Amino acid sequence: MPVKHPASKHHMDAAERHHEAAKNHHAAATHHEAGDHDKAKEHSSKAREHGNAAVEHGKKGHEESHK
């Protein structure tokens, strides 16, 4: 599906980043349950990075849609 509007591209990027963040949150939870707190912390950090990137893409999409 071709994305025509620049805002749509940013929102799609944001969605992909949120998905990556969710996968890392899930992995962190799994490692935490298993007692592997170092791996849980590593995945938690990655989830935070993806979450922050998603927010930035969301902001860019919002700006583009109001031009």
Foldseek 3Di string as FASTA:
>chain_A
DDDDFPLVVLQVLLVVLQVQLVVLCVVLVVCVVVVNNVSSVVSNVSSVVSNVSSVVSNVVSVVSVVD
